[in-house]
């Protein structure tokens, strides 16, 4: 698994978790999905992604987007 795949999987897990928590606990949890979406947008524009930096430190091989 590359850093790119790990970032996408991590974002997907957080969005799904946010949806479940919004359904079961409070609609305020949808703000977490919004945060993930904004982070993905800024990563696409700037090329900087905090999650990619963490996965790089964990030793995952680089992908096409995050090196």
C-alpha atoms as a PDB file:
ATOM      1  CA  UNK A   1       0.000   0.000   0.000  1.00  0.00           C
ATOM      2  CA  UNK A   2       1.386   3.392  -0.984  1.00  0.00           C
ATOM      3  CA  UNK A   3       1.003   6.720   0.825  1.00  0.00           C
ATOM      4  CA  UNK A   4      -1.643   7.741  -1.732  1.00  0.00           C
ATOM      5  CA  UNK A   5      -3.753   4.668  -1.026  1.00  0.00           C
ATOM      6  CA  UNK A   6      -3.351   5.086   2.727  1.00  0.00           C
ATOM      7  CA  UNK A   7      -4.464   8.742   2.615  1.00  0.00           C
ATOM      8  CA  UNK A   8      -7.549   7.881   0.559  1.00  0.00           C
ATOM      9  CA  UNK A   9      -8.451   4.941   2.808  1.00  0.00           C
ATOM     10  CA  UNK A  10      -7.954   7.043   5.938  1.00  0.00           C
ATOM     11  CA  UNK A  11     -10.137   9.855   4.550  1.00  0.00           C
ATOM     12  CA  UNK A  12     -12.834   7.357   3.586  1.00  0.00           C
ATOM     13  CA  UNK A  13     -12.843   5.763   7.024  1.00  0.00           C
ATOM     14  CA  UNK A  14     -13.140   9.152   8.734  1.00  0.00           C
ATOM     15  CA  UNK A  15     -16.011  10.242   6.448  1.00  0.00           C
ATOM     16  CA  UNK A  16     -17.892   6.973   7.055  1.00  0.00           C
ATOM     17  CA  UNK A  17     -17.275   7.242  10.797  1.00  0.00           C
ATOM     18  CA  UNK A  18     -18.560  10.808  10.723  1.00  0.00           C
ATOM     19  CA  UNK A  19     -21.730   9.727   8.911  1.00  0.00           C
ATOM     20  CA  UNK A  20     -22.400   6.942  11.409  1.00  0.00           C
ATOM     21  CA  UNK A  21     -21.796   9.259  14.374  1.00  0.00           C
ATOM     22  CA  UNK A  22     -24.068  11.892  12.818  1.00  0.00           C
ATOM     23  CA  UNK A  23     -26.799   9.298  12.434  1.00  0.00           C
ATOM     24  CA  UNK A  24     -26.404   7.776  15.913  1.00  0.00           C
ATOM     25  CA  UNK A  25     -25.214  10.669  18.100  1.00  0.00           C
ATOM     26  CA  UNK A  26     -25.543  14.172  16.677  1.00  0.00           C
ATOM     27  CA  UNK A  27     -25.673  15.892  13.287  1.00  0.00           C
ATOM     28  CA  UNK A  28     -22.769  18.060  14.457  1.00  0.00           C
ATOM     29  CA  UNK A  29     -20.484  15.142  13.570  1.00  0.00           C
ATOM     30  CA  UNK A  30     -20.998  16.085   9.909  1.00  0.00           C
ATOM     31  CA  UNK A  31     -18.542  18.916  10.533  1.00  0.00           C
ATOM     32  CA  UNK A  32     -15.853  16.241  10.655  1.00  0.00           C
ATOM     33  CA  UNK A  33     -16.758  15.193   7.100  1.00  0.00           C
ATOM     34  CA  UNK A  34     -16.565  18.827   6.054  1.00  0.00           C
ATOM     35  CA  UNK A  35     -13.122  19.127   7.606  1.00  0.00           C
ATOM     36  CA  UNK A  36     -11.910  16.032   5.756  1.00  0.00           C
ATOM     37  CA  UNK A  37     -13.286  17.386   2.482  1.00  0.00           C
ATOM     38  CA  UNK A  38     -11.596  20.762   2.989  1.00  0.00           C
ATOM     39  CA  UNK A  39      -8.320  19.043   3.869  1.00  0.00           C
ATOM     40  CA  UNK A  40      -8.485  16.936   0.694  1.00  0.00           C
ATOM     41  CA  UNK A  41      -9.223  20.075  -1.329  1.00  0.00           C
ATOM     42  CA  UNK A  42      -6.273  22.015   0.104  1.00  0.00           C
ATOM     43  CA  UNK A  43      -4.016  18.973  -0.349  1.00  0.00           C
ATOM     44  CA  UNK A  44      -5.008  18.839  -4.000  1.00  0.00           C
ATOM     45  CA  UNK A  45      -4.254  22.535  -4.458  1.00  0.00           C
ATOM     46  CA  UNK A  46      -1.109  22.909  -2.345  1.00  0.00           C
ATOM     47  CA  UNK A  47       0.321  19.382  -2.378  1.00  0.00           C
ATOM     48  CA  UNK A  48       0.656  19.405   1.433  1.00  0.00           C
ATOM     49  CA  UNK A  49      -1.182  16.728   3.401  1.00  0.00           C
ATOM     50  CA  UNK A  50      -0.542  16.136   7.122  1.00  0.00           C
ATOM     51  CA  UNK A  51      -1.766  12.535   6.887  1.00  0.00           C
ATOM     52  CA  UNK A  52       0.702  11.851   4.053  1.00  0.00           C
ATOM     53  CA  UNK A  53       3.533  13.145   6.251  1.00  0.00           C
ATOM     54  CA  UNK A  54       2.478  10.748   9.026  1.00  0.00           C
ATOM     55  CA  UNK A  55       2.255   7.782   6.661  1.00  0.00           C
ATOM     56  CA  UNK A  56       5.681   8.661   5.231  1.00  0.00           C
ATOM     57  CA  UNK A  57       7.158   8.604   8.735  1.00  0.00           C
ATOM     58  CA  UNK A  58       5.539   5.202   9.258  1.00  0.00           C
ATOM     59  CA  UNK A  59       7.543   3.928   6.301  1.00  0.00           C
ATOM     60  CA  UNK A  60       4.944   3.548   3.568  1.00  0.00           C
ATOM     61  CA  UNK A  61       6.333   3.789   0.045  1.00  0.00           C
ATOM     62  CA  UNK A  62       5.551   6.971  -1.890  1.00  0.00           C
ATOM     63  CA  UNK A  63       2.873   7.053  -4.526  1.00  0.00           C
ATOM     64  CA  UNK A  64       2.283   9.280  -7.525  1.00  0.00           C
ATOM     65  CA  UNK A  65       0.735  12.186  -5.583  1.00  0.00           C
ATOM     66  CA  UNK A  66       2.595  12.280  -2.271  1.00  0.00           C
ATOM     67  CA  UNK A  67       6.343  11.735  -2.315  1.00  0.00           C
END
